[in-house]
Amino acid sequence: MSDMMADVIVVGAGNAAFSAALAAQEAGARVLMFERAPKEENGGNSRFTAGAIRFAHSGLEDLREVMPDLTNEEIATTDFGTYSEDEFYDDMFRVTQYRTDPDLCEKLVCSSLDTMKWLRGRGLRFVPSYGRQAFKIDGRFRFWGGLCAEFWGGGPGLVDSETEIALANGIRVEYGARVLELIYDGLKVSGVRVKQAGRIFDAGAKAVVIAAGGFEANHEWRTRYIGPDWDLAKVRGSRFNTGDGIRMALDIGAAPYGNWSGCHAVGWDRNAPEFGDLAVGDNFQKHSYPFGIMINATGRRFVDEGADFRNYTYAKYGRVILAQPQQFAWQVFDAKVVHLLRDEYRIREVTKVSADTIEGLADKLEGVDRAGFLAEIEAYNAAVRTDVHFDPTVKDGRGTHGLEVAKTNWANTIDEAPFEAYQITCGITFTFGGLRIDAATGQVLDVDHDPIPGLYAAGELVGGIFYFNYPGGTGLMSGAVFGRLAGTSAAAAGVA
């Protein structure tokens, strides 16, 4: 395959990979991408995301640069707020229990707005995330939780747009091409070995960027590194993210880094398929739990549903759900809050029961101890602070008193018919453990913490950024920031 030569090879074809490819092309490199998935399943986990992206901004002036299509009506009826770099730092350090690598975190936070403008300049479009991150209060939309923008068309729109832009700029994308290993002579990476359409061949390059996702779709690795029962989790996204990129780098002496026993995992429909379904996308998730309660097989609550905005709890509650008896829970709501439920609660493929009485609902909660549930509802309703005003756009302090498991915010009695409940289990999004990189260049470091010449990395397989938890929308930002960094650095090595 003599034509399989490039200045820069990118392994993967999701958001991080395309950010690397576009940055390398912009710097003058000839770029070749290898995507393991067939074309109809391309895009890795990026295709499965809703497209929300977190970045620091100072308000409307910055947002107009990112979203120049904002209408006068949208501006007049919306409080977008601000999200400073300090707030971004605070969120990153708080949710990771102050373990996020400070150099990587600084690069992520301080490059976020400029990267958004770069993406816009390359042709990506963003829109306000009204449906997921705003509530209408007194006639005005009010954004909350540090998120206000998403890619146009969500994950599918993101991947399709990046693919179109890449092809238009002369970047070659090979589908159904699984990279098996790095070509490495002990001193420098000079290409990759690829399996495609029943043949194995070598492709040469002056630099390689690995952006092939984590190991969330690898049952054996999940159980080995994250722990018991993680083989039972559903996979939210791509079936192709089995850790190939991480493995091939470790095989040549790259340093592992970060929270290998941690992952982003959420409440996911109990009857969702083993891997993500592109027809449904991310709609198997169920993220309106702050406005109701979650109960397990004993009928009892087991977590503070209102501990924080869901942006800051949803990525860690999947682990808590997996730890419950039989690995499931039910989310319960009454008529007072049903209008606040996100669109994902209204899809056809949903595990839902409803009833006009609590007793009737209890009869329909499969796998749940009926008496335990009814006792829990009674105790919970009696504990709600009904004297405190309910406001879904702020941490309103409307909690409970006297319960073993408190609810801190957004507590409402569950007493107004009809009642609805949704059954969920754990859905794993991506793993936190990965490779150690140089925060200034995106270059992969070896076990001696020295750079491996010719090798760069970006996306889910970069370790050290997330620990225990994750601020919503940061994954796409991280992929874009470190993809752009890796691509730019790889091009400098590849065209030198």
Protein backbone atom coordinates (compact mmCIF):
# COMPACT_ATOMS: atom_id res chain seq x y z
CA MET A 1 0.00 0.00 0.00
CA SER A 2 2.55 2.53 -1.17
CA ASP A 3 -0.05 5.30 -1.27
CA MET A 4 -0.63 5.05 2.46
CA MET A 5 1.84 7.77 3.38
CA ALA A 6 1.30 11.10 5.11
CA ASP A 7 3.01 13.75 7.18
CA VAL A 8 0.57 13.07 10.03
CA ILE A 9 -1.57 9.98 10.67
CA VAL A 10 -4.54 10.35 13.01
CA VAL A 11 -5.98 7.21 14.62
CA GLY A 12 -9.72 7.67 15.12
CA ALA A 13 -12.40 9.88 13.58
CA GLY A 14 -14.30 11.49 16.44
CA ASN A 15 -14.19 15.08 17.64
CA ALA A 16 -10.67 14.88 19.13
CA ALA A 17 -9.34 13.14 16.01
CA PHE A 18 -10.89 15.64 13.61
CA SER A 19 -9.66 18.55 15.74
CA ALA A 20 -6.15 17.08 15.44
CA ALA A 21 -6.51 16.47 11.71
CA LEU A 22 -7.84 19.96 10.98
CA ALA A 23 -5.11 21.59 13.08
CA ALA A 24 -2.40 19.56 11.33
CA GLN A 25 -3.84 20.36 7.90
CA GLU A 26 -4.02 24.03 8.83
CA ALA A 27 -0.30 23.90 9.67
CA GLY A 28 0.54 22.52 6.23
CA ALA A 29 0.64 18.77 6.87
CA ARG A 30 -0.74 16.02 4.62
CA VAL A 31 -3.12 14.14 6.89
CA LEU A 32 -4.40 10.56 6.76
CA MET A 33 -7.05 9.29 9.22
CA PHE A 34 -7.82 5.66 10.08
CA GLU A 35 -11.26 4.94 11.54
CA ARG A 36 -11.89 1.45 12.89
CA ALA A 37 -15.67 1.68 12.47
CA PRO A 38 -17.41 1.32 9.13
CA LYS A 39 -18.57 4.58 7.62
CA GLU A 40 -22.16 4.17 8.87
CA GLU A 41 -20.92 3.90 12.48
CA ASN A 42 -18.12 6.45 12.28
CA GLY A 43 -17.40 9.14 14.82
CA GLY A 44 -16.71 7.22 18.01
CA ASN A 45 -18.48 8.48 21.11
CA SER A 46 -18.76 11.96 19.59
CA ARG A 47 -21.63 10.76 17.40
CA PHE A 48 -23.57 9.63 20.47
CA THR A 49 -23.28 12.85 22.46
CA ALA A 50 -25.94 15.54 22.68
CA GLY A 51 -23.27 18.05 21.68
CA ALA A 52 -23.14 20.30 24.75
CA ILE A 53 -19.73 21.91 25.23
CA ARG A 54 -18.33 23.75 28.26
CA PHE A 55 -16.12 26.80 27.83
CA ALA A 56 -15.23 29.95 29.72
CA HIS A 57 -16.87 33.15 28.47
CA SER A 58 -17.64 36.68 29.65
CA GLY A 59 -21.21 36.83 28.38
CA LEU A 60 -23.00 37.94 25.26
CA GLU A 61 -20.04 39.54 23.47
CA ASP A 62 -18.06 36.28 23.56
CA LEU A 63 -21.11 34.19 22.77
CA ARG A 64 -21.89 36.26 19.68
CA GLU A 65 -18.47 35.37 18.29
CA VAL A 66 -19.18 31.69 18.85
CA MET A 67 -22.86 31.87 17.83
CA PRO A 68 -23.17 34.71 15.29
CA ASP A 69 -26.56 33.31 14.25
CA LEU A 70 -28.16 34.43 17.53
CA THR A 71 -31.35 36.35 16.75
CA ASN A 72 -32.39 39.60 18.38
CA GLU A 73 -35.37 37.77 19.88
CA GLU A 74 -33.14 35.12 21.43
CA ILE A 75 -30.89 37.79 22.90
CA ALA A 76 -33.85 39.76 24.25
CA THR A 77 -35.49 36.77 25.92
CA THR A 78 -32.44 34.97 27.29
CA ASP A 79 -30.17 35.40 30.27
CA PHE A 80 -27.05 33.57 29.10
CA GLY A 81 -25.05 34.61 32.15
CA THR A 82 -21.26 34.35 32.26
CA TYR A 83 -18.88 31.50 33.01
CA SER A 84 -15.45 32.72 34.02
CA GLU A 85 -12.19 30.83 33.88
CA ASP A 86 -12.18 30.88 37.69
CA GLU A 87 -15.60 29.20 37.73
CA PHE A 88 -14.39 26.60 35.24
CA TYR A 89 -11.34 25.92 37.41
CA ASP A 90 -13.52 25.70 40.52
CA ASP A 91 -15.83 23.18 38.86
CA MET A 92 -12.95 21.05 37.58
CA PHE A 93 -11.16 20.93 40.92
CA ARG A 94 -14.31 20.47 42.98
CA VAL A 95 -15.79 17.57 41.02
CA THR A 96 -12.42 15.77 40.67
CA GLN A 97 -11.73 16.20 44.40
CA TYR A 98 -8.75 18.42 43.54
CA ARG A 99 -6.96 15.65 41.65
CA THR A 100 -7.15 16.99 38.09
CA ASP A 101 -3.66 17.54 36.71
CA PRO A 102 -3.08 21.30 37.12
CA ASP A 103 -1.14 21.71 33.88
CA LEU A 104 -3.71 19.81 31.80
CA CYS A 105 -6.55 21.62 33.54
CA GLU A 106 -4.96 25.01 32.87
CA LYS A 107 -4.57 24.16 29.20
CA LEU A 108 -8.20 23.02 29.02
CA VAL A 109 -9.67 26.05 30.78
CA CYS A 110 -7.50 28.80 29.31
CA SER A 111 -7.75 27.46 25.75
CA SER A 112 -11.48 26.78 25.81
CA LEU A 113 -12.85 30.05 24.43
CA ASP A 114 -10.13 30.41 21.80
CA THR A 115 -10.74 26.82 20.71
CA MET A 116 -14.47 27.52 20.35
CA LYS A 117 -13.65 30.48 18.10
CA TRP A 118 -11.23 28.28 16.14
CA LEU A 119 -13.88 25.60 15.64
CA ARG A 120 -16.31 28.26 14.48
CA GLY A 121 -13.69 29.60 12.10
CA ARG A 122 -13.21 26.12 10.62
CA GLY A 123 -16.94 25.94 9.90
CA LEU A 124 -18.53 24.32 12.95
CA ARG A 125 -21.82 25.81 14.10
CA PHE A 126 -23.11 26.23 17.64
CA VAL A 127 -26.60 26.97 18.98
CA PRO A 128 -27.96 27.75 22.46
CA SER A 129 -28.79 24.57 24.37
CA TYR A 130 -32.28 25.72 25.35
CA GLY A 131 -33.81 22.26 25.60
CA ARG A 132 -31.27 20.90 28.05
CA GLN A 133 -29.74 23.79 29.97
CA ALA A 134 -32.36 26.51 30.34
CA PHE A 135 -35.67 27.00 32.10
CA LYS A 136 -38.13 29.76 31.32
CA ILE A 137 -38.72 31.93 34.37
CA ASP A 138 -41.01 34.99 34.18
CA GLY A 139 -40.84 35.01 30.39
CA ARG A 140 -37.04 34.75 30.12
CA PHE A 141 -34.85 31.73 29.51
CA ARG A 142 -32.24 31.35 32.22
CA PHE A 143 -29.21 29.12 31.70
CA TRP A 144 -27.68 27.21 34.59
CA GLY A 145 -24.80 24.87 35.39
CA GLY A 146 -22.08 26.55 33.30
CA LEU A 147 -23.40 25.33 29.95
CA CYS A 148 -25.17 27.38 27.30
CA ALA A 149 -24.08 26.11 23.87
CA GLU A 150 -24.06 22.91 21.87
CA PHE A 151 -22.97 21.81 18.42
CA TRP A 152 -25.61 22.27 15.75
CA GLY A 153 -27.20 18.90 15.12
CA GLY A 154 -25.83 17.39 18.34
CA GLY A 155 -23.31 14.59 18.07
CA PRO A 156 -24.33 13.43 14.58
CA GLY A 157 -24.23 17.01 13.31
CA LEU A 158 -20.80 17.51 14.85
CA VAL A 159 -19.27 14.40 13.29
CA ASP A 160 -20.89 14.92 9.89
CA SER A 161 -19.77 18.56 9.79
CA GLU A 162 -16.21 17.76 10.84
CA THR A 163 -16.04 14.97 8.26
CA GLU A 164 -17.29 17.25 5.49
CA ILE A 165 -14.83 19.99 6.46
CA ALA A 166 -11.93 17.54 6.64
CA LEU A 167 -12.65 16.03 3.22
CA ALA A 168 -13.06 19.49 1.69
CA ASN A 169 -9.60 20.34 2.97
CA GLY A 170 -7.89 17.33 1.45
CA ILE A 171 -7.78 15.14 4.54
CA ARG A 172 -8.10 11.45 3.67
CA VAL A 173 -10.31 9.25 5.86
CA GLU A 174 -10.12 5.44 5.66
CA TYR A 175 -13.05 3.55 7.24
CA GLY A 176 -13.13 -0.02 8.50
CA ALA A 177 -9.41 0.39 9.16
CA ARG A 178 -8.30 -0.94 12.53
CA VAL A 179 -4.86 0.21 13.60
CA LEU A 180 -3.16 -2.79 15.20
CA GLU A 181 0.11 -1.31 16.38
CA LEU A 182 2.52 1.57 16.13
CA ILE A 183 5.61 1.27 13.98
CA TYR A 184 8.38 2.02 16.45
CA ASP A 185 12.11 1.33 16.25
CA GLY A 186 12.80 2.03 19.90
CA LEU A 187 13.55 5.66 19.21
CA LYS A 188 10.73 7.11 17.11
CA VAL A 189 7.20 6.33 15.91
CA SER A 190 7.14 6.33 12.12
CA GLY A 191 3.70 5.02 11.25
CA VAL A 192 1.08 2.40 12.02
CA ARG A 193 0.15 -1.16 11.05
CA VAL A 194 -3.43 -1.40 9.80
CA LYS A 195 -5.96 -4.16 9.17
CA GLN A 196 -8.55 -3.26 6.54
CA ALA A 197 -10.76 -5.37 4.24
CA GLY A 198 -8.92 -8.61 4.92
CA ARG A 199 -5.39 -7.28 4.47
CA ILE A 200 -2.69 -5.96 6.77
CA PHE A 201 -0.36 -3.17 5.68
CA ASP A 202 1.94 -0.49 7.05
CA ALA A 203 1.27 3.22 6.66
CA GLY A 204 4.16 5.60 7.16
CA ALA A 205 4.16 9.09 8.68
CA LYS A 206 6.48 11.52 10.37
CA ALA A 207 4.08 11.80 13.32
CA VAL A 208 1.05 9.90 14.66
CA VAL A 209 -1.82 11.25 16.76
CA ILE A 210 -3.81 8.64 18.70
CA ALA A 211 -7.39 9.78 19.33
CA ALA A 212 -9.21 6.45 19.42
CA GLY A 213 -11.25 6.72 22.62
CA GLY A 214 -11.08 4.95 25.98
CA PHE A 215 -11.74 1.33 26.91
CA GLU A 216 -15.39 1.59 27.93
CA ALA A 217 -16.53 -0.98 25.34
CA ASN A 218 -14.01 -3.58 26.55
CA HIS A 219 -15.78 -5.82 29.12
CA GLU A 220 -12.56 -7.42 30.30
CA TRP A 221 -10.65 -4.17 30.76
CA ARG A 222 -13.62 -2.57 32.55
CA THR A 223 -13.67 -5.38 35.09
CA ARG A 224 -9.88 -5.46 35.37
CA TYR A 225 -9.42 -1.75 35.97
CA ILE A 226 -12.72 -0.28 37.18
CA GLY A 227 -13.80 -3.27 39.24
CA PRO A 228 -16.37 -6.01 39.87
CA ASP A 229 -19.80 -5.70 38.21
CA TRP A 230 -18.54 -3.26 35.58
CA ASP A 231 -18.92 -6.00 33.01
CA LEU A 232 -22.67 -5.58 33.68
CA ALA A 233 -22.84 -1.92 32.70
CA LYS A 234 -24.44 -0.84 29.44
CA VAL A 235 -22.19 1.05 26.99
CA ARG A 236 -23.70 4.40 26.03
CA GLY A 237 -21.67 4.89 22.90
CA SER A 238 -19.46 3.21 20.32
CA ARG A 239 -18.77 -0.52 20.41
CA PHE A 240 -15.35 0.18 18.91
CA ASN A 241 -13.85 2.00 21.91
CA THR A 242 -12.02 -0.99 23.34
CA GLY A 243 -8.75 0.66 24.34
CA ASP A 244 -6.75 -0.13 21.20
CA GLY A 245 -5.07 3.27 21.17
CA ILE A 246 -4.05 3.00 24.80
CA ARG A 247 -2.79 -0.57 24.38
CA MET A 248 -0.61 0.15 21.37
CA ALA A 249 1.01 3.09 23.17
CA LEU A 250 1.61 1.09 26.34
CA ASP A 251 3.16 -1.64 24.20
CA ILE A 252 5.98 0.72 23.20
CA GLY A 253 6.57 2.04 26.72
CA ALA A 254 4.10 4.92 27.10
CA ALA A 255 3.24 5.93 30.65
CA PRO A 256 -0.25 5.16 31.95
CA TYR A 257 -1.79 8.04 33.87
CA GLY A 258 -4.92 9.15 35.64
CA ASN A 259 -7.95 7.54 37.24
CA TRP A 260 -7.89 4.02 35.75
CA SER A 261 -10.52 2.86 38.23
CA GLY A 262 -12.81 5.78 37.33
CA CYS A 263 -15.21 6.55 34.54
CA HIS A 264 -18.08 8.73 33.38
CA ALA A 265 -21.22 6.67 34.01
CA VAL A 266 -24.85 7.75 34.16
CA GLY A 267 -28.42 6.60 34.72
CA TRP A 268 -29.37 4.75 31.52
CA ASP A 269 -32.56 2.99 30.50
CA ARG A 270 -32.66 -0.50 32.04
CA ASN A 271 -33.63 -2.13 28.75
CA ALA A 272 -31.27 -0.22 26.47
CA PRO A 273 -29.10 -2.40 24.20
CA GLU A 274 -25.57 -3.54 25.09
CA PHE A 275 -23.99 -0.71 23.07
CA GLY A 276 -25.23 2.66 21.90
CA ASP A 277 -28.00 2.83 19.31
CA LEU A 278 -27.42 5.59 16.76
CA ALA A 279 -31.16 5.79 16.05
CA VAL A 280 -31.76 6.79 19.68
CA GLY A 281 -28.48 8.55 20.39
CA ASP A 282 -28.11 9.72 23.97
CA ASN A 283 -31.85 9.62 24.70
CA PHE A 284 -31.59 6.46 26.80
CA GLN A 285 -30.13 8.71 29.51
CA LYS A 286 -32.47 9.93 32.23
CA HIS A 287 -31.11 13.13 33.78
CA SER A 288 -34.10 14.88 35.39
CA TYR A 289 -33.68 12.99 38.66
CA PRO A 290 -33.07 16.21 40.70
CA PHE A 291 -36.82 16.89 40.43
CA GLY A 292 -37.94 13.49 41.73
CA ILE A 293 -36.52 10.64 43.78
CA MET A 294 -34.57 7.48 42.94
CA ILE A 295 -35.35 4.22 44.73
CA ASN A 296 -33.70 0.80 44.57
CA ALA A 297 -35.05 -2.76 44.80
CA THR A 298 -35.70 -2.36 48.54
CA GLY A 299 -37.92 0.63 47.79
CA ARG A 300 -35.51 3.01 49.52
CA ARG A 301 -33.75 6.14 48.35
CA PHE A 302 -29.97 5.73 48.20
CA VAL A 303 -28.54 9.04 46.97
CA ASP A 304 -29.08 12.79 47.31
CA GLU A 305 -30.80 13.54 44.02
CA GLY A 306 -30.49 17.28 44.64
CA ALA A 307 -26.89 17.48 45.82
CA ASP A 308 -26.00 19.77 42.90
CA PHE A 309 -27.06 20.63 39.37
CA ARG A 310 -27.28 17.42 37.39
CA ASN A 311 -24.29 18.63 35.27
CA TYR A 312 -22.10 17.94 38.30
CA THR A 313 -23.63 14.68 39.55
CA TYR A 314 -24.92 12.71 36.56
CA ALA A 315 -21.50 11.38 35.54
CA LYS A 316 -20.87 9.79 38.94
CA TYR A 317 -24.36 8.49 39.78
CA GLY A 318 -24.11 5.65 37.27
CA ARG A 319 -21.56 4.05 39.59
CA VAL A 320 -23.93 4.44 42.53
CA ILE A 321 -26.79 2.82 40.58
CA LEU A 322 -24.57 -0.10 39.54
CA ALA A 323 -23.85 -0.73 43.23
CA GLN A 324 -27.56 -1.18 44.07
CA PRO A 325 -29.19 -4.62 44.40
CA GLN A 326 -29.61 -6.09 40.90
CA GLN A 327 -27.96 -2.97 39.40
CA PHE A 328 -31.13 -0.93 38.83
CA ALA A 329 -33.19 1.93 40.19
CA TRP A 330 -36.50 3.66 39.47
CA GLN A 331 -36.87 7.43 39.11
CA VAL A 332 -40.22 8.60 40.48
CA PHE A 333 -42.04 11.87 39.66
CA ASP A 334 -45.47 13.35 40.21
CA ALA A 335 -47.58 15.73 38.12
CA LYS A 336 -46.04 18.87 39.65
CA VAL A 337 -42.70 18.33 37.90
CA VAL A 338 -43.49 16.26 34.80
CA HIS A 339 -43.32 19.40 32.64
CA LEU A 340 -39.67 19.82 33.71
CA LEU A 341 -38.57 16.41 32.43
CA ARG A 342 -36.13 16.47 29.54
CA ASP A 343 -37.07 15.26 26.07
CA GLU A 344 -35.38 11.90 26.64
CA TYR A 345 -38.29 10.89 28.90
CA ARG A 346 -40.69 11.06 25.95
CA ILE A 347 -39.00 8.70 23.51
CA ARG A 348 -40.73 5.54 22.34
CA GLU A 349 -37.94 3.26 23.65
CA VAL A 350 -38.42 3.97 27.35
CA THR A 351 -39.02 1.75 30.39
CA LYS A 352 -41.88 3.62 32.04
CA VAL A 353 -44.87 2.96 34.28
CA SER A 354 -47.59 5.35 35.42
CA ALA A 355 -50.58 5.28 37.74
CA ASP A 356 -53.22 7.53 39.30
CA THR A 357 -52.29 6.50 42.85
CA ILE A 358 -49.03 5.82 44.64
CA GLU A 359 -50.32 2.37 45.56
CA GLY A 360 -51.05 1.68 41.91
CA LEU A 361 -47.56 2.84 40.96
CA ALA A 362 -46.06 0.57 43.62
CA ASP A 363 -47.77 -2.41 41.99
CA LYS A 364 -46.02 -1.64 38.71
CA LEU A 365 -42.46 -1.07 39.93
CA GLU A 366 -40.86 -4.29 38.74
CA GLY A 367 -38.35 -5.76 41.19
CA VAL A 368 -39.18 -3.32 44.01
CA ASP A 369 -40.33 -4.17 47.54
CA ARG A 370 -43.83 -2.66 47.62
CA ALA A 371 -44.08 -2.05 51.38
CA GLY A 372 -40.60 -0.53 51.48
CA PHE A 373 -41.46 1.87 48.67
CA LEU A 374 -44.73 3.03 50.22
CA ALA A 375 -43.03 3.60 53.57
CA GLU A 376 -40.26 5.55 51.85
CA ILE A 377 -42.73 7.82 50.03
CA GLU A 378 -44.54 8.55 53.28
CA ALA A 379 -41.32 9.40 55.12
CA TYR A 380 -39.98 11.48 52.24
CA ASN A 381 -43.16 13.54 51.83
CA ALA A 382 -43.21 14.31 55.54
CA ALA A 383 -39.60 15.52 55.40
CA VAL A 384 -39.86 18.01 52.49
CA ARG A 385 -39.27 21.67 53.39
CA THR A 386 -42.44 23.03 51.74
CA ASP A 387 -41.79 26.44 53.30
CA VAL A 388 -38.85 27.03 50.92
CA HIS A 389 -39.51 28.33 47.38
CA PHE A 390 -38.84 25.87 44.53
CA ASP A 391 -36.62 27.22 41.72
CA PRO A 392 -35.08 24.79 39.19
CA THR A 393 -32.55 27.37 37.89
CA VAL A 394 -30.64 27.78 41.17
CA LYS A 395 -29.64 25.57 44.05
CA ASP A 396 -32.77 26.58 45.92
CA GLY A 397 -32.13 24.96 49.32
CA ARG A 398 -35.57 23.36 49.24
CA GLY A 399 -34.49 20.15 50.91
CA THR A 400 -35.58 17.61 53.48
CA HIS A 401 -35.05 17.26 57.21
CA GLY A 402 -34.60 14.19 59.36
CA LEU A 403 -33.95 11.63 56.62
CA GLU A 404 -31.04 9.18 56.62
CA VAL A 405 -30.42 10.14 52.98
CA ALA A 406 -31.14 13.85 52.68
CA LYS A 407 -32.23 15.69 49.58
CA THR A 408 -30.50 19.08 49.49
CA ASN A 409 -32.29 20.98 46.72
CA TRP A 410 -35.43 20.83 44.55
CA ALA A 411 -37.36 18.59 46.95
CA ASN A 412 -41.08 18.34 46.20
CA THR A 413 -43.65 16.12 47.82
CA ILE A 414 -44.75 13.24 45.62
CA ASP A 415 -48.50 13.45 46.10
CA GLU A 416 -50.12 14.85 42.96
CA ALA A 417 -51.48 12.39 40.39
CA PRO A 418 -50.70 11.09 37.88
CA PHE A 419 -47.42 9.50 38.97
CA GLU A 420 -44.64 8.33 36.65
CA ALA A 421 -41.57 6.13 37.14
CA TYR A 422 -38.66 5.24 34.86
CA GLN A 423 -36.39 2.23 35.32
CA ILE A 424 -32.66 2.77 34.87
CA THR A 425 -29.35 1.00 35.21
CA CYS A 426 -25.74 2.13 34.73
CA GLY A 427 -24.55 3.37 31.34
CA ILE A 428 -20.81 3.91 30.96
CA THR A 429 -19.77 6.82 28.73
CA PHE A 430 -15.99 6.87 28.82
CA THR A 431 -13.10 5.82 31.02
CA PHE A 432 -10.85 8.28 32.86
CA GLY A 433 -7.57 6.37 32.79
CA GLY A 434 -5.23 6.73 29.84
CA LEU A 435 -1.88 7.99 28.64
CA ARG A 436 0.38 10.65 30.10
CA ILE A 437 0.99 13.59 27.75
CA ASP A 438 2.97 16.81 27.81
CA ALA A 439 0.42 19.57 28.48
CA ALA A 440 2.39 22.02 26.33
CA THR A 441 2.61 19.86 23.20
CA GLY A 442 0.21 16.91 23.46
CA GLN A 443 3.18 14.54 23.01
CA VAL A 444 2.89 11.13 24.67
CA LEU A 445 5.40 10.56 27.48
CA ASP A 446 7.12 7.27 28.21
CA VAL A 447 7.47 5.56 31.59
CA ASP A 448 10.51 7.75 32.29
CA HIS A 449 8.30 10.79 31.55
CA ASP A 450 10.34 11.58 28.44
CA PRO A 451 8.57 12.43 25.16
CA ILE A 452 8.15 9.62 22.64
CA PRO A 453 9.27 11.18 19.33
CA GLY A 454 6.54 11.13 16.71
CA LEU A 455 3.64 10.20 19.04
CA TYR A 456 0.82 12.48 20.24
CA ALA A 457 -2.56 11.85 21.85
CA ALA A 458 -5.93 13.52 22.45
CA GLY A 459 -9.45 12.78 23.60
CA GLU A 460 -10.75 10.15 26.00
CA LEU A 461 -7.45 8.26 26.10
CA VAL A 462 -5.59 11.15 27.75
CA GLY A 463 -5.31 10.42 31.46
CA GLY A 464 -5.09 12.87 34.34
CA ILE A 465 -7.90 15.26 33.47
CA PHE A 466 -10.93 13.68 35.15
CA TYR A 467 -11.10 11.84 38.46
CA PHE A 468 -14.22 10.38 40.12
CA ASN A 469 -16.56 12.76 38.31
CA TYR A 470 -16.88 15.18 35.43
CA PRO A 471 -18.48 18.58 34.71
CA GLY A 472 -20.99 18.09 31.90
CA GLY A 473 -19.86 19.20 28.45
CA THR A 474 -16.15 19.06 29.25
CA GLY A 475 -15.40 15.95 27.19
CA LEU A 476 -16.00 17.59 23.82
CA MET A 477 -14.05 20.65 24.96
CA SER A 478 -11.14 18.51 26.10
CA GLY A 479 -11.17 16.61 22.81
CA ALA A 480 -11.10 19.83 20.81
CA VAL A 481 -8.44 21.56 22.93
CA PHE A 482 -6.01 18.65 23.09
CA GLY A 483 -6.83 17.49 19.57
CA ARG A 484 -5.92 20.91 18.23
CA LEU A 485 -2.76 20.93 20.35
CA ALA A 486 -1.68 17.45 19.25
CA GLY A 487 -2.40 18.15 15.61
CA THR A 488 -0.47 21.40 15.60
CA SER A 489 2.53 19.79 17.36
CA ALA A 490 2.43 16.72 15.11
CA ALA A 491 2.40 18.92 12.02
CA ALA A 492 5.44 20.80 13.28
CA ALA A 493 7.25 17.46 13.56
CA GLY A 494 5.76 16.11 10.34
CA VAL A 495 6.62 18.96 7.98
CA ALA A 496 9.92 19.99 9.53
